[in-house]
Amino acid sequence: MDPRASIGKQVRKLRLERGLSQEKLAELANLHRNYVGGVERGERNIAIINIVALAHALRVRPARLLETLF
């Protein structure tokens, strides 16, 4: 599986578990809603700084977003 898709699925799963909209997650991570949507769809080659921002917004360690890669 494409690593972008794996990370995107994990972001979406965690976002939904926390009852957050893409818009709210983007706000918490200081990112644009369209960017978050692109990440979730596996369209974005997400930078480390944005992995960290999303992880903090989701209240998880950044490694949690990457664990599906291994």
N, C-alpha and C. Protein backbone atom coordinates (compact mmCIF):
# COMPACT_ATOMS: atom_id res chain seq x y z
N MET A 1 0.85 -1.18 0.00
CA MET A 1 0.00 0.00 0.00
C MET A 1 0.89 1.25 0.00
N ASP A 2 0.46 2.25 -0.70
CA ASP A 2 1.16 3.54 -0.76
C ASP A 2 1.22 4.13 0.64
N PRO A 3 2.40 4.54 1.11
CA PRO A 3 2.50 5.10 2.46
C PRO A 3 1.62 6.33 2.68
N ARG A 4 1.39 7.12 1.62
CA ARG A 4 0.52 8.29 1.75
C ARG A 4 -0.90 7.85 2.08
N ALA A 5 -1.35 6.78 1.46
CA ALA A 5 -2.69 6.26 1.73
C ALA A 5 -2.78 5.68 3.14
N SER A 6 -1.73 4.99 3.56
CA SER A 6 -1.72 4.41 4.92
C SER A 6 -1.81 5.48 5.99
N ILE A 7 -1.02 6.52 5.84
CA ILE A 7 -1.05 7.63 6.81
C ILE A 7 -2.41 8.31 6.76
N GLY A 8 -2.92 8.52 5.56
CA GLY A 8 -4.23 9.16 5.41
C GLY A 8 -5.34 8.38 6.08
N LYS A 9 -5.33 7.06 5.93
CA LYS A 9 -6.35 6.23 6.58
C LYS A 9 -6.25 6.33 8.09
N GLN A 10 -5.03 6.38 8.59
CA GLN A 10 -4.82 6.48 10.04
C GLN A 10 -5.31 7.83 10.56
N VAL A 11 -5.01 8.90 9.84
CA VAL A 11 -5.48 10.23 10.24
C VAL A 11 -7.01 10.25 10.28
N ARG A 12 -7.62 9.74 9.23
CA ARG A 12 -9.09 9.72 9.16
C ARG A 12 -9.69 8.90 10.30
N LYS A 13 -9.12 7.72 10.55
CA LYS A 13 -9.61 6.85 11.63
C LYS A 13 -9.56 7.57 12.98
N LEU A 14 -8.42 8.16 13.28
CA LEU A 14 -8.26 8.86 14.56
C LEU A 14 -9.16 10.08 14.65
N ARG A 15 -9.29 10.81 13.54
CA ARG A 15 -10.17 11.99 13.52
C ARG A 15 -11.61 11.59 13.82
N LEU A 16 -12.08 10.53 13.18
CA LEU A 16 -13.46 10.09 13.39
C LEU A 16 -13.65 9.55 14.82
N GLU A 17 -12.67 8.85 15.34
CA GLU A 17 -12.75 8.35 16.72
C GLU A 17 -12.91 9.50 17.71
N ARG A 18 -12.34 10.64 17.38
CA ARG A 18 -12.41 11.79 18.27
C ARG A 18 -13.58 12.71 17.96
N GLY A 19 -14.37 12.34 16.97
CA GLY A 19 -15.55 13.13 16.63
C GLY A 19 -15.24 14.49 16.02
N LEU A 20 -14.11 14.57 15.33
CA LEU A 20 -13.70 15.84 14.74
C LEU A 20 -14.05 15.89 13.25
N SER A 21 -14.43 17.04 12.78
CA SER A 21 -14.59 17.26 11.34
C SER A 21 -13.21 17.54 10.76
N GLN A 22 -13.09 17.43 9.45
CA GLN A 22 -11.83 17.81 8.80
C GLN A 22 -11.51 19.27 9.10
N GLU A 23 -12.54 20.10 9.09
CA GLU A 23 -12.35 21.52 9.34
C GLU A 23 -11.81 21.77 10.74
N LYS A 24 -12.36 21.08 11.74
CA LYS A 24 -11.91 21.27 13.12
C LYS A 24 -10.49 20.74 13.30
N LEU A 25 -10.19 19.57 12.71
CA LEU A 25 -8.83 19.04 12.80
C LEU A 25 -7.84 20.01 12.16
N ALA A 26 -8.20 20.53 11.00
CA ALA A 26 -7.33 21.49 10.33
C ALA A 26 -7.09 22.72 11.21
N GLU A 27 -8.14 23.20 11.83
CA GLU A 27 -8.00 24.36 12.73
C GLU A 27 -7.06 24.04 13.89
N LEU A 28 -7.24 22.89 14.52
CA LEU A 28 -6.41 22.50 15.65
C LEU A 28 -4.94 22.31 15.25
N ALA A 29 -4.72 21.86 14.01
CA ALA A 29 -3.36 21.61 13.52
C ALA A 29 -2.77 22.82 12.80
N ASN A 30 -3.57 23.88 12.69
CA ASN A 30 -3.15 25.08 11.97
C ASN A 30 -2.80 24.78 10.51
N LEU A 31 -3.67 23.97 9.88
CA LEU A 31 -3.53 23.59 8.48
C LEU A 31 -4.83 23.95 7.76
N HIS A 32 -4.80 23.95 6.44
CA HIS A 32 -6.01 24.22 5.66
C HIS A 32 -6.86 22.95 5.57
N ARG A 33 -8.17 23.10 5.59
CA ARG A 33 -9.08 21.95 5.50
C ARG A 33 -8.84 21.14 4.23
N ASN A 34 -8.58 21.81 3.13
CA ASN A 34 -8.32 21.09 1.88
C ASN A 34 -7.06 20.23 1.97
N TYR A 35 -6.08 20.70 2.72
CA TYR A 35 -4.85 19.93 2.91
C TYR A 35 -5.15 18.66 3.71
N VAL A 36 -5.92 18.80 4.78
CA VAL A 36 -6.28 17.63 5.59
C VAL A 36 -7.05 16.61 4.74
N GLY A 37 -7.97 17.09 3.93
CA GLY A 37 -8.71 16.19 3.04
C GLY A 37 -7.78 15.47 2.08
N GLY A 38 -6.80 16.19 1.54
CA GLY A 38 -5.83 15.57 0.63
C GLY A 38 -4.98 14.53 1.33
N VAL A 39 -4.61 14.81 2.57
CA VAL A 39 -3.85 13.83 3.36
C VAL A 39 -4.69 12.57 3.56
N GLU A 40 -5.92 12.75 3.97
CA GLU A 40 -6.79 11.59 4.23
C GLU A 40 -7.03 10.76 2.97
N ARG A 41 -7.06 11.39 1.82
CA ARG A 41 -7.26 10.67 0.56
C ARG A 41 -5.96 10.10 0.00
N GLY A 42 -4.83 10.34 0.68
CA GLY A 42 -3.54 9.84 0.23
C GLY A 42 -2.99 10.59 -0.96
N GLU A 43 -3.44 11.82 -1.15
CA GLU A 43 -3.00 12.63 -2.28
C GLU A 43 -1.79 13.50 -1.95
N ARG A 44 -1.50 13.66 -0.69
CA ARG A 44 -0.43 14.56 -0.25
C ARG A 44 0.77 13.78 0.24
N ASN A 45 1.94 14.22 -0.15
CA ASN A 45 3.19 13.69 0.39
C ASN A 45 3.49 14.54 1.62
N ILE A 46 2.97 14.11 2.74
CA ILE A 46 2.94 14.91 3.96
C ILE A 46 4.32 15.10 4.56
N ALA A 47 4.63 16.34 4.91
CA ALA A 47 5.90 16.68 5.52
C ALA A 47 5.90 16.30 7.00
N ILE A 48 7.08 16.06 7.53
CA ILE A 48 7.23 15.70 8.94
C ILE A 48 6.58 16.75 9.85
N ILE A 49 6.77 18.02 9.55
CA ILE A 49 6.21 19.09 10.38
C ILE A 49 4.68 18.98 10.44
N ASN A 50 4.06 18.55 9.35
CA ASN A 50 2.60 18.41 9.33
C ASN A 50 2.15 17.11 9.99
N ILE A 51 2.97 16.08 9.95
CA ILE A 51 2.67 14.86 10.71
C ILE A 51 2.64 15.20 12.19
N VAL A 52 3.62 15.97 12.63
CA VAL A 52 3.68 16.38 14.04
C VAL A 52 2.48 17.24 14.40
N ALA A 53 2.13 18.20 13.54
CA ALA A 53 0.99 19.07 13.82
C ALA A 53 -0.32 18.28 13.91
N LEU A 54 -0.52 17.35 12.98
CA LEU A 54 -1.75 16.53 13.02
C LEU A 54 -1.76 15.62 14.25
N ALA A 55 -0.62 15.05 14.57
CA ALA A 55 -0.54 14.17 15.74
C ALA A 55 -0.89 14.94 17.01
N HIS A 56 -0.34 16.12 17.16
CA HIS A 56 -0.65 16.93 18.35
C HIS A 56 -2.14 17.27 18.39
N ALA A 57 -2.70 17.63 17.25
CA ALA A 57 -4.13 17.96 17.19
C ALA A 57 -4.99 16.75 17.53
N LEU A 58 -4.51 15.57 17.17
CA LEU A 58 -5.25 14.33 17.45
C LEU A 58 -4.91 13.75 18.82
N ARG A 59 -3.97 14.39 19.51
CA ARG A 59 -3.53 13.96 20.84
C ARG A 59 -2.92 12.56 20.83
N VAL A 60 -2.06 12.34 19.84
CA VAL A 60 -1.31 11.09 19.76
C VAL A 60 0.14 11.43 19.47
N ARG A 61 1.01 10.46 19.67
CA ARG A 61 2.41 10.63 19.30
C ARG A 61 2.51 10.55 17.78
N PRO A 62 3.41 11.29 17.17
CA PRO A 62 3.56 11.23 15.71
C PRO A 62 3.76 9.80 15.18
N ALA A 63 4.43 8.97 15.94
CA ALA A 63 4.66 7.58 15.51
C ALA A 63 3.35 6.84 15.28
N ARG A 64 2.30 7.23 15.96
CA ARG A 64 0.98 6.58 15.80
C ARG A 64 0.47 6.73 14.39
N LEU A 65 0.77 7.85 13.74
CA LEU A 65 0.33 8.07 12.38
C LEU A 65 1.12 7.23 11.38
N LEU A 66 2.30 6.79 11.80
CA LEU A 66 3.18 6.02 10.92
C LEU A 66 3.15 4.52 11.18
N GLU A 67 2.51 4.09 12.25
CA GLU A 67 2.59 2.68 12.64
C GLU A 67 2.02 1.72 11.62
N THR A 68 1.10 2.17 10.77
CA THR A 68 0.52 1.27 9.78
C THR A 68 1.49 0.99 8.64
N LEU A 69 2.61 1.69 8.61
CA LEU A 69 3.61 1.48 7.56
C LEU A 69 4.47 0.25 7.82
N PHE A 70 4.48 -0.22 9.05
CA PHE A 70 5.38 -1.31 9.42
C PHE A 70 4.65 -2.59 9.71
